[in-house]
Each structure stands twice: as structure tokens, then as C-alpha cells.
Amino acid sequence: MTYIIAEPCVDVLDKACIEECPVDCIYEGNRMLYIHPDECVDCGACEPVCPVEAIFYEDDVPEQWRDYTTANYEFFNELGSPGGASKIGKISADAPFVAAQPAKEGDH
């Protein structure tokens, strides 16, 4: 189990969660942030600091955003486990499901 970042983060990328994460497991894609499922230690430090309430424990992701659970895992299929987001910086990609979402207007 891990934490999942869902739809409210798309095109927002606030990054407050990155600052709070003690294990550097939150990676930045083009349109949203992703939590590495193998690097996350389930501490929950990221959840309360998210200004758009986009972070959920995997079992608690709202039904309408369940596809983001799969997208969160898929984002790391090619990337693997680099052992820290700060080592590699922004990744110019997104999970296919996220890349296909319509752009949000005026939210950022």
C-alpha cells in the first residue's frame, strides 16, 4: 500500500508535498506529481499539506478517481526505482491516463 495523488493535482503541481516528504519519493511529471509506490514509507506527511486535497491512502481514493491509482503505478513502469526524486528532477512525461485528461482552465 502507498499514498496516491489524484485528479485535483492535475495541472496544479503545488509541490508542498515534496517539501514534506522525508524519503524523497514524490516525482514531478508534466501535469501532476506521482508517489513512488516502492519508495513511499506510508508516513502520511504529504497528505495534510496538499492545498487541493489530492493525496489519499491507496484504499481511500474516492471512486471517481480510482484510475489515478493505476496511473500512479504506471508512471514508474519505465522509470523503475531511481531512489529519490531530487536526483532526477522533473520528468517530461505523464502516465497515459493523465496525459489524456483535458487541460484545466484557470486553476493555476
PDB file of N, CA and C in Angstrom:
ATOM      1  N   MET A   1       0.835  -1.191   0.000  1.00  0.00           N
ATOM      2  CA  MET A   1       0.000   0.000   0.000  1.00  0.00           C
ATOM      3  C   MET A   1       0.875   1.249   0.000  1.00  0.00           C
ATOM      4  N   THR A   2       0.318   2.283  -0.563  1.00  0.00           N
ATOM      5  CA  THR A   2       1.038   3.537  -0.672  1.00  0.00           C
ATOM      6  C   THR A   2       0.028   4.681  -0.693  1.00  0.00           C
ATOM      7  N   TYR A   3       0.515   5.872  -0.782  1.00  0.00           N
ATOM      8  CA  TYR A   3      -0.349   7.021  -0.996  1.00  0.00           C
ATOM      9  C   TYR A   3      -0.435   7.278  -2.493  1.00  0.00           C
ATOM     10  N   ILE A   4      -1.562   7.844  -2.914  1.00  0.00           N
ATOM     11  CA  ILE A   4      -1.865   8.084  -4.324  1.00  0.00           C
ATOM     12  C   ILE A   4      -2.200   9.562  -4.493  1.00  0.00           C
ATOM     13  N   ILE A   5      -1.714  10.143  -5.568  1.00  0.00           N
ATOM     14  CA  ILE A   5      -2.094  11.515  -5.909  1.00  0.00           C
ATOM     15  C   ILE A   5      -3.142  11.418  -7.007  1.00  0.00           C
ATOM     16  N   ALA A   6      -4.258  12.131  -6.830  1.00  0.00           N
ATOM     17  CA  ALA A   6      -5.390  12.007  -7.743  1.00  0.00           C
ATOM     18  C   ALA A   6      -5.649  13.295  -8.530  1.00  0.00           C
ATOM     19  N   GLU A   7      -6.789  13.345  -9.165  1.00  0.00           N
ATOM     20  CA  GLU A   7      -7.173  14.373 -10.130  1.00  0.00           C
ATOM     21  C   GLU A   7      -6.965  15.825  -9.686  1.00  0.00           C
ATOM     22  N   PRO A   8      -7.210  16.185  -8.426  1.00  0.00           N
ATOM     23  CA  PRO A   8      -7.031  17.603  -8.077  1.00  0.00           C
ATOM     24  C   PRO A   8      -5.622  18.153  -8.332  1.00  0.00           C
ATOM     25  N   CYS A   9      -4.621  17.285  -8.440  1.00  0.00           N
ATOM     26  CA  CYS A   9      -3.245  17.740  -8.681  1.00  0.00           C
ATOM     27  C   CYS A   9      -2.970  18.045 -10.152  1.00  0.00           C
ATOM     28  N   VAL A  10      -3.767  17.484 -11.054  1.00  0.00           N
ATOM     29  CA  VAL A  10      -3.508  17.664 -12.491  1.00  0.00           C
ATOM     30  C   VAL A  10      -3.487  19.150 -12.833  1.00  0.00           C
ATOM     31  N   ASP A  11      -2.417  19.575 -13.447  1.00  0.00           N
ATOM     32  CA  ASP A  11      -2.187  20.955 -13.881  1.00  0.00           C
ATOM     33  C   ASP A  11      -2.060  21.953 -12.720  1.00  0.00           C
ATOM     34  N   VAL A  12      -1.902  21.455 -11.482  1.00  0.00           N
ATOM     35  CA  VAL A  12      -1.705  22.335 -10.331  1.00  0.00           C
ATOM     36  C   VAL A  12      -0.253  22.270  -9.860  1.00  0.00           C
ATOM     37  N   LEU A  13       0.241  21.056  -9.561  1.00  0.00           N
ATOM     38  CA  LEU A  13       1.640  20.836  -9.184  1.00  0.00           C
ATOM     39  C   LEU A  13       2.130  21.799  -8.101  1.00  0.00           C
ATOM     40  N   ASP A  14       1.417  21.863  -6.992  1.00  0.00           N
ATOM     41  CA  ASP A  14       1.770  22.784  -5.911  1.00  0.00           C
ATOM     42  C   ASP A  14       3.141  22.489  -5.291  1.00  0.00           C
ATOM     43  N   LYS A  15       3.474  21.237  -5.117  1.00  0.00           N
ATOM     44  CA  LYS A  15       4.769  20.763  -4.606  1.00  0.00           C
ATOM     45  C   LYS A  15       4.981  20.915  -3.102  1.00  0.00           C
ATOM     46  N   ALA A  16       3.981  21.334  -2.344  1.00  0.00           N
ATOM     47  CA  ALA A  16       4.134  21.382  -0.887  1.00  0.00           C
ATOM     48  C   ALA A  16       4.419  19.986  -0.349  1.00  0.00           C
ATOM     49  N   CYS A  17       3.850  18.983  -0.991  1.00  0.00           N
ATOM     50  CA  CYS A  17       4.055  17.599  -0.553  1.00  0.00           C
ATOM     51  C   CYS A  17       5.509  17.174  -0.720  1.00  0.00           C
ATOM     52  N   ILE A  18       6.150  17.657  -1.759  1.00  0.00           N
ATOM     53  CA  ILE A  18       7.559  17.321  -1.997  1.00  0.00           C
ATOM     54  C   ILE A  18       8.416  17.812  -0.841  1.00  0.00           C
ATOM     55  N   GLU A  19       8.119  19.014  -0.368  1.00  0.00           N
ATOM     56  CA  GLU A  19       8.877  19.596   0.748  1.00  0.00           C
ATOM     57  C   GLU A  19       8.719  18.779   2.030  1.00  0.00           C
ATOM     58  N   GLU A  20       7.555  18.178   2.230  1.00  0.00           N
ATOM     59  CA  GLU A  20       7.272  17.431   3.466  1.00  0.00           C
ATOM     60  C   GLU A  20       7.752  15.986   3.427  1.00  0.00           C
ATOM     61  N   CYS A  21       7.945  15.435   2.249  1.00  0.00           N
ATOM     62  CA  CYS A  21       8.271  14.014   2.127  1.00  0.00           C
ATOM     63  C   CYS A  21       9.674  13.718   2.665  1.00  0.00           C
ATOM     64  N   PRO A  22       9.771  12.897   3.722  1.00  0.00           N
ATOM     65  CA  PRO A  22      11.078  12.621   4.313  1.00  0.00           C
ATOM     66  C   PRO A  22      11.934  11.640   3.508  1.00  0.00           C
ATOM     67  N   VAL A  23      11.324  10.939   2.541  1.00  0.00           N
ATOM     68  CA  VAL A  23      12.085   9.940   1.777  1.00  0.00           C
ATOM     69  C   VAL A  23      12.223  10.293   0.297  1.00  0.00           C
ATOM     70  N   ASP A  24      11.824  11.500  -0.105  1.00  0.00           N
ATOM     71  CA  ASP A  24      12.031  11.990  -1.470  1.00  0.00           C
ATOM     72  C   ASP A  24      11.412  11.056  -2.514  1.00  0.00           C
ATOM     73  N   CYS A  25      10.151  10.628  -2.276  1.00  0.00           N
ATOM     74  CA  CYS A  25       9.527   9.670  -3.190  1.00  0.00           C
ATOM     75  C   CYS A  25       8.439  10.275  -4.061  1.00  0.00           C
ATOM     76  N   ILE A  26       8.311  11.604  -4.076  1.00  0.00           N
ATOM     77  CA  ILE A  26       7.287  12.249  -4.892  1.00  0.00           C
ATOM     78  C   ILE A  26       7.960  12.867  -6.117  1.00  0.00           C
ATOM     79  N   TYR A  27       7.575  12.340  -7.271  1.00  0.00           N
ATOM     80  CA  TYR A  27       8.200  12.699  -8.540  1.00  0.00           C
ATOM     81  C   TYR A  27       7.291  13.630  -9.335  1.00  0.00           C
ATOM     82  N   GLU A  28       7.899  14.539 -10.072  1.00  0.00           N
ATOM     83  CA  GLU A  28       7.148  15.500 -10.866  1.00  0.00           C
ATOM     84  C   GLU A  28       7.099  15.077 -12.326  1.00  0.00           C
ATOM     85  N   GLY A  29       5.871  14.925 -12.841  1.00  0.00           N
ATOM     86  CA  GLY A  29       5.663  14.682 -14.261  1.00  0.00           C
ATOM     87  C   GLY A  29       5.299  15.997 -14.927  1.00  0.00           C
ATOM     88  N   ASN A  30       4.865  15.939 -16.164  1.00  0.00           N
ATOM     89  CA  ASN A  30       4.481  17.161 -16.868  1.00  0.00           C
ATOM     90  C   ASN A  30       3.261  17.841 -16.270  1.00  0.00           C
ATOM     91  N   ARG A  31       2.255  17.035 -15.907  1.00  0.00           N
ATOM     92  CA  ARG A  31       0.977  17.614 -15.492  1.00  0.00           C
ATOM     93  C   ARG A  31       0.592  17.354 -14.048  1.00  0.00           C
ATOM     94  N   MET A  32       1.281  16.438 -13.376  1.00  0.00           N
ATOM     95  CA  MET A  32       0.964  16.187 -11.973  1.00  0.00           C
ATOM     96  C   MET A  32       2.142  15.524 -11.282  1.00  0.00           C
ATOM     97  N   LEU A  33       2.005  15.342  -9.977  1.00  0.00           N
ATOM     98  CA  LEU A  33       3.025  14.684  -9.175  1.00  0.00           C
ATOM     99  C   LEU A  33       2.606  13.236  -8.938  1.00  0.00           C
ATOM    100  N   TYR A  34       3.598  12.371  -8.717  1.00  0.00           N
ATOM    101  CA  TYR A  34       3.353  10.945  -8.519  1.00  0.00           C
ATOM    102  C   TYR A  34       4.165  10.450  -7.326  1.00  0.00           C
ATOM    103  N   ILE A  35       3.561   9.580  -6.525  1.00  0.00           N
ATOM    104  CA  ILE A  35       4.252   8.994  -5.377  1.00  0.00           C
ATOM    105  C   ILE A  35       4.742   7.608  -5.768  1.00  0.00           C
ATOM    106  N   HIS A  36       6.043   7.379  -5.604  1.00  0.00           N
ATOM    107  CA  HIS A  36       6.614   6.082  -5.973  1.00  0.00           C
ATOM    108  C   HIS A  36       6.138   5.022  -4.981  1.00  0.00           C
ATOM    109  N   PRO A  37       5.440   3.989  -5.461  1.00  0.00           N
ATOM    110  CA  PRO A  37       4.865   3.003  -4.543  1.00  0.00           C
ATOM    111  C   PRO A  37       5.892   2.167  -3.786  1.00  0.00           C
ATOM    112  N   ASP A  38       7.076   1.983  -4.338  1.00  0.00           N
ATOM    113  CA  ASP A  38       8.100   1.185  -3.655  1.00  0.00           C
ATOM    114  C   ASP A  38       8.983   2.025  -2.737  1.00  0.00           C
ATOM    115  N   GLU A  39       9.036   3.315  -2.956  1.00  0.00           N
ATOM    116  CA  GLU A  39       9.881   4.190  -2.147  1.00  0.00           C
ATOM    117  C   GLU A  39       9.104   4.850  -1.004  1.00  0.00           C
ATOM    118  N   CYS A  40       7.785   4.939  -1.127  1.00  0.00           N
ATOM    119  CA  CYS A  40       6.942   5.543  -0.097  1.00  0.00           C
ATOM    120  C   CYS A  40       6.959   4.674   1.163  1.00  0.00           C
ATOM    121  N   VAL A  41       7.121   5.312   2.314  1.00  0.00           N
ATOM    122  CA  VAL A  41       7.137   4.585   3.592  1.00  0.00           C
ATOM    123  C   VAL A  41       5.811   4.737   4.346  1.00  0.00           C
ATOM    124  N   ASP A  42       4.797   5.236   3.663  1.00  0.00           N
ATOM    125  CA  ASP A  42       3.446   5.367   4.218  1.00  0.00           C
ATOM    126  C   ASP A  42       3.384   6.225   5.472  1.00  0.00           C
ATOM    127  N   CYS A  43       4.215   7.247   5.550  1.00  0.00           N
ATOM    128  CA  CYS A  43       4.220   8.089   6.753  1.00  0.00           C
ATOM    129  C   CYS A  43       3.048   9.068   6.774  1.00  0.00           C
ATOM    130  N   GLY A  44       2.531   9.434   5.601  1.00  0.00           N
ATOM    131  CA  GLY A  44       1.394  10.337   5.527  1.00  0.00           C
ATOM    132  C   GLY A  44       1.712  11.807   5.669  1.00  0.00           C
ATOM    133  N   ALA A  45       2.979  12.181   5.708  1.00  0.00           N
ATOM    134  CA  ALA A  45       3.343  13.591   5.882  1.00  0.00           C
ATOM    135  C   ALA A  45       2.850  14.461   4.722  1.00  0.00           C
ATOM    136  N   CYS A  46       2.736  13.884   3.550  1.00  0.00           N
ATOM    137  CA  CYS A  46       2.334  14.639   2.364  1.00  0.00           C
ATOM    138  C   CYS A  46       0.850  15.010   2.368  1.00  0.00           C
ATOM    139  N   GLU A  47       0.033  14.141   2.901  1.00  0.00           N
ATOM    140  CA  GLU A  47      -1.427  14.300   2.794  1.00  0.00           C
ATOM    141  C   GLU A  47      -1.964  15.616   3.360  1.00  0.00           C
ATOM    142  N   PRO A  48      -1.652  15.986   4.603  1.00  0.00           N
ATOM    143  CA  PRO A  48      -2.259  17.205   5.150  1.00  0.00           C
ATOM    144  C   PRO A  48      -1.739  18.503   4.540  1.00  0.00           C
ATOM    145  N   VAL A  49      -0.602  18.502   3.879  1.00  0.00           N
ATOM    146  CA  VAL A  49      -0.071  19.756   3.333  1.00  0.00           C
ATOM    147  C   VAL A  49      -0.541  20.032   1.909  1.00  0.00           C
ATOM    148  N   CYS A  50      -1.225  19.089   1.280  1.00  0.00           N
ATOM    149  CA  CYS A  50      -1.697  19.292  -0.089  1.00  0.00           C
ATOM    150  C   CYS A  50      -2.833  20.312  -0.084  1.00  0.00           C
ATOM    151  N   PRO A  51      -2.648  21.469  -0.752  1.00  0.00           N
ATOM    152  CA  PRO A  51      -3.662  22.521  -0.710  1.00  0.00           C
ATOM    153  C   PRO A  51      -4.930  22.183  -1.504  1.00  0.00           C
ATOM    154  N   VAL A  52      -4.854  21.193  -2.387  1.00  0.00           N
ATOM    155  CA  VAL A  52      -6.030  20.825  -3.186  1.00  0.00           C
ATOM    156  C   VAL A  52      -6.601  19.469  -2.780  1.00  0.00           C
ATOM    157  N   GLU A  53      -6.107  18.899  -1.679  1.00  0.00           N
ATOM    158  CA  GLU A  53      -6.576  17.618  -1.154  1.00  0.00           C
ATOM    159  C   GLU A  53      -6.585  16.522  -2.218  1.00  0.00           C
ATOM    160  N   ALA A  54      -5.439  16.354  -2.879  1.00  0.00           N
ATOM    161  CA  ALA A  54      -5.301  15.375  -3.958  1.00  0.00           C
ATOM    162  C   ALA A  54      -4.661  14.074  -3.498  1.00  0.00           C
ATOM    163  N   ILE A  55      -4.178  13.997  -2.261  1.00  0.00           N
ATOM    164  CA  ILE A  55      -3.429  12.828  -1.803  1.00  0.00           C
ATOM    165  C   ILE A  55      -4.285  11.974  -0.873  1.00  0.00           C
ATOM    166  N   PHE A  56      -4.326  10.685  -1.205  1.00  0.00           N
ATOM    167  CA  PHE A  56      -5.141   9.735  -0.453  1.00  0.00           C
ATOM    168  C   PHE A  56      -4.345   8.471  -0.180  1.00  0.00           C
ATOM    169  N   TYR A  57      -4.636   7.822   0.941  1.00  0.00           N
ATOM    170  CA  TYR A  57      -4.103   6.486   1.160  1.00  0.00           C
ATOM    171  C   TYR A  57      -4.749   5.610   0.092  1.00  0.00           C
ATOM    172  N   GLU A  58      -4.007   4.662  -0.445  1.00  0.00           N
ATOM    173  CA  GLU A  58      -4.468   3.886  -1.594  1.00  0.00           C
ATOM    174  C   GLU A  58      -5.881   3.316  -1.418  1.00  0.00           C
ATOM    175  N   ASP A  59      -6.211   2.806  -0.249  1.00  0.00           N
ATOM    176  CA  ASP A  59      -7.543   2.233  -0.019  1.00  0.00           C
ATOM    177  C   ASP A  59      -8.636   3.292   0.088  1.00  0.00           C
ATOM    178  N   ASP A  60      -8.240   4.557   0.228  1.00  0.00           N
ATOM    179  CA  ASP A  60      -9.212   5.624   0.440  1.00  0.00           C
ATOM    180  C   ASP A  60      -9.411   6.543  -0.760  1.00  0.00           C
ATOM    181  N   VAL A  61      -8.833   6.202  -1.908  1.00  0.00           N
ATOM    182  CA  VAL A  61      -9.015   7.029  -3.105  1.00  0.00           C
ATOM    183  C   VAL A  61     -10.507   7.014  -3.465  1.00  0.00           C
ATOM    184  N   PRO A  62     -11.131   8.197  -3.625  1.00  0.00           N
ATOM    185  CA  PRO A  62     -12.548   8.232  -3.989  1.00  0.00           C
ATOM    186  C   PRO A  62     -12.812   7.473  -5.296  1.00  0.00           C
ATOM    187  N   GLU A  63     -13.962   6.857  -5.375  1.00  0.00           N
ATOM    188  CA  GLU A  63     -14.312   6.006  -6.519  1.00  0.00           C
ATOM    189  C   GLU A  63     -14.108   6.710  -7.865  1.00  0.00           C
ATOM    190  N   GLN A  64     -14.488   7.982  -7.950  1.00  0.00           N
ATOM    191  CA  GLN A  64     -14.388   8.693  -9.235  1.00  0.00           C
ATOM    192  C   GLN A  64     -12.932   8.906  -9.677  1.00  0.00           C
ATOM    193  N   TRP A  65     -11.978   8.692  -8.776  1.00  0.00           N
ATOM    194  CA  TRP A  65     -10.560   8.901  -9.098  1.00  0.00           C
ATOM    195  C   TRP A  65      -9.757   7.608  -9.043  1.00  0.00           C
ATOM    196  N   ARG A  66     -10.418   6.452  -9.042  1.00  0.00           N
ATOM    197  CA  ARG A  66      -9.719   5.162  -8.951  1.00  0.00           C
ATOM    198  C   ARG A  66      -8.690   4.968 -10.064  1.00  0.00           C
ATOM    199  N   ASP A  67      -8.937   5.532 -11.249  1.00  0.00           N
ATOM    200  CA  ASP A  67      -7.997   5.388 -12.361  1.00  0.00           C
ATOM    201  C   ASP A  67      -6.643   6.023 -12.044  1.00  0.00           C
ATOM    202  N   TYR A  68      -6.611   6.947 -11.119  1.00  0.00           N
ATOM    203  CA  TYR A  68      -5.342   7.574 -10.736  1.00  0.00           C
ATOM    204  C   TYR A  68      -4.453   6.621  -9.950  1.00  0.00           C
ATOM    205  N   THR A  69      -5.044   5.622  -9.310  1.00  0.00           N
ATOM    206  CA  THR A  69      -4.241   4.614  -8.621  1.00  0.00           C
ATOM    207  C   THR A  69      -3.408   3.853  -9.650  1.00  0.00           C
ATOM    208  N   THR A  70      -4.058   3.402 -10.709  1.00  0.00           N
ATOM    209  CA  THR A  70      -3.357   2.704 -11.788  1.00  0.00           C
ATOM    210  C   THR A  70      -2.341   3.624 -12.454  1.00  0.00           C
ATOM    211  N   ALA A  71      -2.742   4.867 -12.711  1.00  0.00           N
ATOM    212  CA  ALA A  71      -1.838   5.824 -13.354  1.00  0.00           C
ATOM    213  C   ALA A  71      -0.595   6.065 -12.507  1.00  0.00           C
ATOM    214  N   ASN A  72      -0.770   6.120 -11.184  1.00  0.00           N
ATOM    215  CA  ASN A  72       0.360   6.345 -10.285  1.00  0.00           C
ATOM    216  C   ASN A  72       1.385   5.212 -10.417  1.00  0.00           C
ATOM    217  N   TYR A  73       0.910   3.990 -10.500  1.00  0.00           N
ATOM    218  CA  TYR A  73       1.813   2.840 -10.665  1.00  0.00           C
ATOM    219  C   TYR A  73       2.444   2.835 -12.061  1.00  0.00           C
ATOM    220  N   GLU A  74       1.626   3.114 -13.091  1.00  0.00           N
ATOM    221  CA  GLU A  74       2.110   3.081 -14.477  1.00  0.00           C
ATOM    222  C   GLU A  74       3.206   4.107 -14.743  1.00  0.00           C
ATOM    223  N   PHE A  75       3.151   5.231 -14.050  1.00  0.00           N
ATOM    224  CA  PHE A  75       4.149   6.276 -14.255  1.00  0.00           C
ATOM    225  C   PHE A  75       5.564   5.736 -14.029  1.00  0.00           C
ATOM    226  N   PHE A  76       5.692   4.762 -13.139  1.00  0.00           N
ATOM    227  CA  PHE A  76       7.008   4.234 -12.789  1.00  0.00           C
ATOM    228  C   PHE A  76       7.393   2.967 -13.559  1.00  0.00           C
ATOM    229  N   ASN A  77       6.546   2.515 -14.483  1.00  0.00           N
ATOM    230  CA  ASN A  77       6.860   1.299 -15.245  1.00  0.00           C
ATOM    231  C   ASN A  77       8.207   1.385 -15.958  1.00  0.00           C
ATOM    232  N   GLU A  78       8.431   2.457 -16.684  1.00  0.00           N
ATOM    233  CA  GLU A  78       9.698   2.619 -17.409  1.00  0.00           C
ATOM    234  C   GLU A  78      10.779   3.222 -16.527  1.00  0.00           C
ATOM    235  N   LEU A  79      10.384   4.079 -15.623  1.00  0.00           N
ATOM    236  CA  LEU A  79      11.343   4.789 -14.773  1.00  0.00           C
ATOM    237  C   LEU A  79      12.011   3.867 -13.765  1.00  0.00           C
ATOM    238  N   GLY A  80      11.269   2.869 -13.287  1.00  0.00           N
ATOM    239  CA  GLY A  80      11.819   1.981 -12.273  1.00  0.00           C
ATOM    240  C   GLY A  80      11.858   2.676 -10.926  1.00  0.00           C
ATOM    241  N   SER A  81      12.894   2.392 -10.151  1.00  0.00           N
ATOM    242  CA  SER A  81      13.031   2.967  -8.816  1.00  0.00           C
ATOM    243  C   SER A  81      14.373   3.697  -8.708  1.00  0.00           C
ATOM    244  N   PRO A  82      14.382   4.986  -9.077  1.00  0.00           N
ATOM    245  CA  PRO A  82      15.631   5.743  -9.057  1.00  0.00           C
ATOM    246  C   PRO A  82      16.205   5.992  -7.666  1.00  0.00           C
ATOM    247  N   GLY A  83      15.402   5.823  -6.618  1.00  0.00           N
ATOM    248  CA  GLY A  83      15.902   6.029  -5.266  1.00  0.00           C
ATOM    249  C   GLY A  83      15.918   7.465  -4.823  1.00  0.00           C
ATOM    250  N   GLY A  84      15.041   8.270  -5.362  1.00  0.00           N
ATOM    251  CA  GLY A  84      14.929   9.657  -4.924  1.00  0.00           C
ATOM    252  C   GLY A  84      14.596  10.595  -6.062  1.00  0.00           C
ATOM    253  N   ALA A  85      13.522  11.352  -5.888  1.00  0.00           N
ATOM    254  CA  ALA A  85      13.052  12.259  -6.926  1.00  0.00           C
ATOM    255  C   ALA A  85      14.012  13.410  -7.186  1.00  0.00           C
ATOM    256  N   SER A  86      14.667  13.912  -6.138  1.00  0.00           N
ATOM    257  CA  SER A  86      15.541  15.074  -6.320  1.00  0.00           C
ATOM    258  C   SER A  86      16.756  14.743  -7.191  1.00  0.00           C
ATOM    259  N   LYS A  87      17.120  13.477  -7.265  1.00  0.00           N
ATOM    260  CA  LYS A  87      18.260  13.071  -8.102  1.00  0.00           C
ATOM    261  C   LYS A  87      17.989  13.258  -9.587  1.00  0.00           C
ATOM    262  N   ILE A  88      16.719  13.116  -9.991  1.00  0.00           N
ATOM    263  CA  ILE A  88      16.432  13.147 -11.425  1.00  0.00           C
ATOM    264  C   ILE A  88      15.622  14.356 -11.870  1.00  0.00           C
ATOM    265  N   GLY A  89      15.011  15.081 -10.944  1.00  0.00           N
ATOM    266  CA  GLY A  89      14.274  16.285 -11.306  1.00  0.00           C
ATOM    267  C   GLY A  89      12.979  15.979 -12.045  1.00  0.00           C
ATOM    268  N   LYS A  90      12.458  16.982 -12.720  1.00  0.00           N
ATOM    269  CA  LYS A  90      11.192  16.843 -13.443  1.00  0.00           C
ATOM    270  C   LYS A  90      11.344  15.831 -14.568  1.00  0.00           C
ATOM    271  N   ILE A  91      10.314  15.013 -14.725  1.00  0.00           N
ATOM    272  CA  ILE A  91      10.280  14.004 -15.780  1.00  0.00           C
ATOM    273  C   ILE A  91       9.307  14.497 -16.847  1.00  0.00           C
ATOM    274  N   SER A  92       9.765  14.598 -18.067  1.00  0.00           N
ATOM    275  CA  SER A  92       8.925  15.129 -19.150  1.00  0.00           C
ATOM    276  C   SER A  92       7.991  14.052 -19.685  1.00  0.00           C
ATOM    277  N   ALA A  93       7.111  13.583 -18.824  1.00  0.00           N
ATOM    278  CA  ALA A  93       6.154  12.543 -19.190  1.00  0.00           C
ATOM    279  C   ALA A  93       5.054  12.514 -18.144  1.00  0.00           C
ATOM    280  N   ASP A  94       4.001  11.784 -18.461  1.00  0.00           N
ATOM    281  CA  ASP A  94       2.922  11.505 -17.530  1.00  0.00           C
ATOM    282  C   ASP A  94       2.415  10.106 -17.824  1.00  0.00           C
ATOM    283  N   ALA A  95       1.686   9.529 -16.897  1.00  0.00           N
ATOM    284  CA  ALA A  95       1.003   8.272 -17.167  1.00  0.00           C
ATOM    285  C   ALA A  95       0.023   8.548 -18.309  1.00  0.00           C
ATOM    286  N   PRO A  96      -0.201   7.594 -19.215  1.00  0.00           N
ATOM    287  CA  PRO A  96      -1.106   7.827 -20.354  1.00  0.00           C
ATOM    288  C   PRO A  96      -2.486   8.351 -19.956  1.00  0.00           C
ATOM    289  N   PHE A  97      -3.038   7.828 -18.865  1.00  0.00           N
ATOM    290  CA  PHE A  97      -4.352   8.286 -18.411  1.00  0.00           C
ATOM    291  C   PHE A  97      -4.323   9.773 -18.064  1.00  0.00           C
ATOM    292  N   VAL A  98      -3.271  10.220 -17.400  1.00  0.00           N
ATOM    293  CA  VAL A  98      -3.155  11.623 -17.003  1.00  0.00           C
ATOM    294  C   VAL A  98      -2.913  12.504 -18.228  1.00  0.00           C
ATOM    295  N   ALA A  99      -2.054  12.065 -19.110  1.00  0.00           N
ATOM    296  CA  ALA A  99      -1.755  12.836 -20.323  1.00  0.00           C
ATOM    297  C   ALA A  99      -3.015  13.064 -21.158  1.00  0.00           C
ATOM    298  N   ALA A 100      -3.952  12.140 -21.092  1.00  0.00           N
ATOM    299  CA  ALA A 100      -5.173  12.228 -21.884  1.00  0.00           C
ATOM    300  C   ALA A 100      -6.258  13.105 -21.258  1.00  0.00           C
ATOM    301  N   GLN A 101      -6.053  13.563 -20.032  1.00  0.00           N
ATOM    302  CA  GLN A 101      -7.068  14.387 -19.364  1.00  0.00           C
ATOM    303  C   GLN A 101      -7.147  15.772 -19.998  1.00  0.00           C
ATOM    304  N   PRO A 102      -8.350  16.341 -20.080  1.00  0.00           N
ATOM    305  CA  PRO A 102      -8.465  17.697 -20.617  1.00  0.00           C
ATOM    306  C   PRO A 102      -7.742  18.698 -19.715  1.00  0.00           C
ATOM    307  N   ALA A 103      -7.183  19.723 -20.317  1.00  0.00           N
ATOM    308  CA  ALA A 103      -6.476  20.743 -19.540  1.00  0.00           C
ATOM    309  C   ALA A 103      -7.457  21.506 -18.664  1.00  0.00           C
ATOM    310  N   LYS A 104      -7.016  21.842 -17.459  1.00  0.00           N
ATOM    311  CA  LYS A 104      -7.834  22.643 -16.559  1.00  0.00           C
ATOM    312  C   LYS A 104      -7.613  24.105 -16.904  1.00  0.00           C
ATOM    313  N   GLU A 105      -8.666  24.857 -16.904  1.00  0.00           N
ATOM    314  CA  GLU A 105      -8.581  26.280 -17.207  1.00  0.00           C
ATOM    315  C   GLU A 105      -8.700  27.102 -15.928  1.00  0.00           C
ATOM    316  N   GLY A 106      -7.795  28.030 -15.724  1.00  0.00           N
ATOM    317  CA  GLY A 106      -7.875  28.986 -14.641  1.00  0.00           C
ATOM    318  C   GLY A 106      -7.636  28.461 -13.245  1.00  0.00           C
ATOM    319  N   ASP A 107      -7.214  27.213 -13.112  1.00  0.00           N
ATOM    320  CA  ASP A 107      -6.969  26.657 -11.786  1.00  0.00           C
ATOM    321  C   ASP A 107      -5.552  26.886 -11.295  1.00  0.00           C
ATOM    322  N   HIS A 108      -4.671  27.452 -12.111  1.00  0.00           N
ATOM    323  CA  HIS A 108      -3.282  27.566 -11.691  1.00  0.00           C
ATOM    324  C   HIS A 108      -2.767  28.910 -11.923  1.00  0.00           C
TER     325      HIS A 108
END
